[in-house]
C-alpha atoms as a PDB file:
ATOM      1  CA  MET A   1      81.630  44.250   8.651  1.00  0.00           C
ATOM      2  CA  THR A   2      83.209  40.799   9.003  1.00  0.00           C
ATOM      3  CA  ASN A   3      82.926  37.581  10.817  1.00  0.00           C
ATOM      4  CA  SER A   4      86.021  36.521  13.012  1.00  0.00           C
ATOM      5  CA  LEU A   5      87.579  34.241  10.483  1.00  0.00           C
ATOM      6  CA  LEU A   6      87.552  34.064   6.825  1.00  0.00           C
ATOM      7  CA  THR A   7      84.092  34.925   5.343  1.00  0.00           C
ATOM      8  CA  VAL A   8      82.995  32.175   3.058  1.00  0.00           C
ATOM      9  CA  ALA A   9      79.412  33.014   2.030  1.00  0.00           C
ATOM     10  CA  ILE A  10      77.385  36.303   1.703  1.00  0.00           C
ATOM     11  CA  ALA A  11      73.798  36.869   0.857  1.00  0.00           C
ATOM     12  CA  PHE A  12      71.948  40.272   0.369  1.00  0.00           C
ATOM     13  CA  SER A  13      68.348  40.851   1.235  1.00  0.00           C
ATOM     14  CA  LEU A  14      66.049  41.535  -1.771  1.00  0.00           C
ATOM     15  CA  ASP A  15      65.719  45.149  -0.794  1.00  0.00           C
ATOM     16  CA  GLY A  16      69.559  45.518  -0.594  1.00  0.00           C
ATOM     17  CA  LYS A  17      69.294  46.901   2.909  1.00  0.00           C
ATOM     18  CA  THR A  18      70.868  43.946   4.946  1.00  0.00           C
ATOM     19  CA  LEU A  19      73.355  41.265   4.258  1.00  0.00           C
ATOM     20  CA  PHE A  20      74.026  37.866   5.903  1.00  0.00           C
ATOM     21  CA  THR A  21      77.572  36.604   6.293  1.00  0.00           C
ATOM     22  CA  SER A  22      79.061  33.318   7.357  1.00  0.00           C
ATOM     23  CA  GLY A  23      82.382  31.719   7.802  1.00  0.00           C
ATOM     24  CA  TYR A  24      84.292  28.765   8.901  1.00  0.00           C
ATOM     25  CA  GLU A  25      83.330  29.151  12.554  1.00  0.00           C
ATOM     26  CA  LYS A  26      79.667  28.338  11.604  1.00  0.00           C
ATOM     27  CA  ILE A  27      78.536  31.752  12.856  1.00  0.00           C
ATOM     28  CA  VAL A  28      75.979  33.688  10.726  1.00  0.00           C
ATOM     29  CA  LYS A  29      75.823  37.364  11.147  1.00  0.00           C
ATOM     30  CA  TYR A  30      73.031  39.718   9.946  1.00  0.00           C
ATOM     31  CA  TRP A  31      74.317  43.227   9.080  1.00  0.00           C
ATOM     32  CA  ASP A  32      72.525  46.632   8.467  1.00  0.00           C
ATOM     33  CA  LEU A  33      74.385  47.904   5.341  1.00  0.00           C
ATOM     34  CA  GLU A  34      73.437  51.504   5.969  1.00  0.00           C
ATOM     35  CA  THR A  35      74.926  51.667   9.604  1.00  0.00           C
ATOM     36  CA  GLY A  36      77.399  48.648   9.271  1.00  0.00           C
ATOM     37  CA  ASN A  37      76.069  47.421  12.417  1.00  0.00           C
ATOM     38  CA  CYS A  38      75.628  43.739  13.226  1.00  0.00           C
ATOM     39  CA  LEU A  39      72.009  43.221  13.948  1.00  0.00           C
ATOM     40  CA  GLN A  40      72.200  39.529  15.109  1.00  0.00           C
ATOM     41  CA  THR A  41      74.659  36.811  15.600  1.00  0.00           C
ATOM     42  CA  LEU A  42      73.377  33.238  15.085  1.00  0.00           C
ATOM     43  CA  ARG A  43      75.437  30.433  16.650  1.00  0.00           C
ATOM     44  CA  PRO A  44      74.847  26.611  16.267  1.00  0.00           C
ATOM     45  CA  ALA A  45      73.943  24.608  19.249  1.00  0.00           C
ATOM     46  CA  ARG A  46      76.972  23.230  21.167  1.00  0.00           C
ATOM     47  CA  PRO A  47      75.574  20.191  22.973  1.00  0.00           C
ATOM     48  CA  ASP A  48      78.782  19.261  24.988  1.00  0.00           C
ATOM     49  CA  GLU A  49      78.957  22.795  26.369  1.00  0.00           C
ATOM     50  CA  GLY A  50      78.330  22.685  30.176  1.00  0.00           C
ATOM     51  CA  MET A  51      78.082  18.919  30.262  1.00  0.00           C
ATOM     52  CA  ILE A  52      79.508  17.665  33.597  1.00  0.00           C
ATOM     53  CA  ILE A  53      81.711  14.664  33.112  1.00  0.00           C
ATOM     54  CA  THR A  54      83.098  14.279  36.626  1.00  0.00           C
ATOM     55  CA  GLU A  55      81.446  11.016  37.406  1.00  0.00           C
ATOM     56  CA  ALA A  56      81.564   9.582  33.803  1.00  0.00           C
ATOM     57  CA  ILE A  57      82.723   5.984  33.700  1.00  0.00           C
ATOM     58  CA  GLY A  58      84.907   4.391  31.029  1.00  0.00           C
ATOM     59  CA  LEU A  59      86.167   7.525  29.199  1.00  0.00           C
ATOM     60  CA  ALA A  60      89.667   7.502  27.962  1.00  0.00           C
ATOM     61  CA  GLU A  61      91.925  10.500  28.869  1.00  0.00           C
ATOM     62  CA  ALA A  62      91.806  11.542  25.239  1.00  0.00           C
ATOM     63  CA  LYS A  63      88.113  11.550  25.251  1.00  0.00           C
ATOM     64  CA  VAL A  64      87.894  13.620  28.406  1.00  0.00           C
ATOM     65  CA  ALA A  65      90.369  16.095  26.890  1.00  0.00           C
ATOM     66  CA  THR A  66      88.081  16.354  23.799  1.00  0.00           C
ATOM     67  CA  LEU A  67      85.080  16.906  25.821  1.00  0.00           C
ATOM     68  CA  LYS A  68      86.851  19.605  27.844  1.00  0.00           C
ATOM     69  CA  GLY A  69      87.869  21.244  24.609  1.00  0.00           C
ATOM     70  CA  LEU A  70      84.258  21.350  23.667  1.00  0.00           C
ATOM     71  CA  GLU A  71      83.390  23.038  27.111  1.00  0.00           C
ATOM     72  CA  ALA A  72      82.476  19.982  28.990  1.00  0.00           C
ATOM     73  CA  LEU A  73      83.185  20.410  32.818  1.00  0.00           C
ATOM     74  CA  GLU A  74      84.848  18.419  35.470  1.00  0.00           C
ATOM     75  CA  VAL A  75      83.623  19.596  38.858  1.00  0.00           C
ATOM     76  CA  ASN A  76      85.115  18.665  42.136  1.00  0.00           C
END
């Protein structure tokens, strides 16, 4: 039971059967302590993911590179 990077916060349910973990990657995982299985993974919204920037005007190359790093797309 772990997040992919360093786990920085944990919280047990009141009944002690489940656990929440969170790390620097901003993902929260919900665990079943009896089985060790991850029941749910919660991820933050990523507003730049899938944004098409092909015809964007006035973007510096550095900004385009940053947006691509955030999963924005240039389509031909």
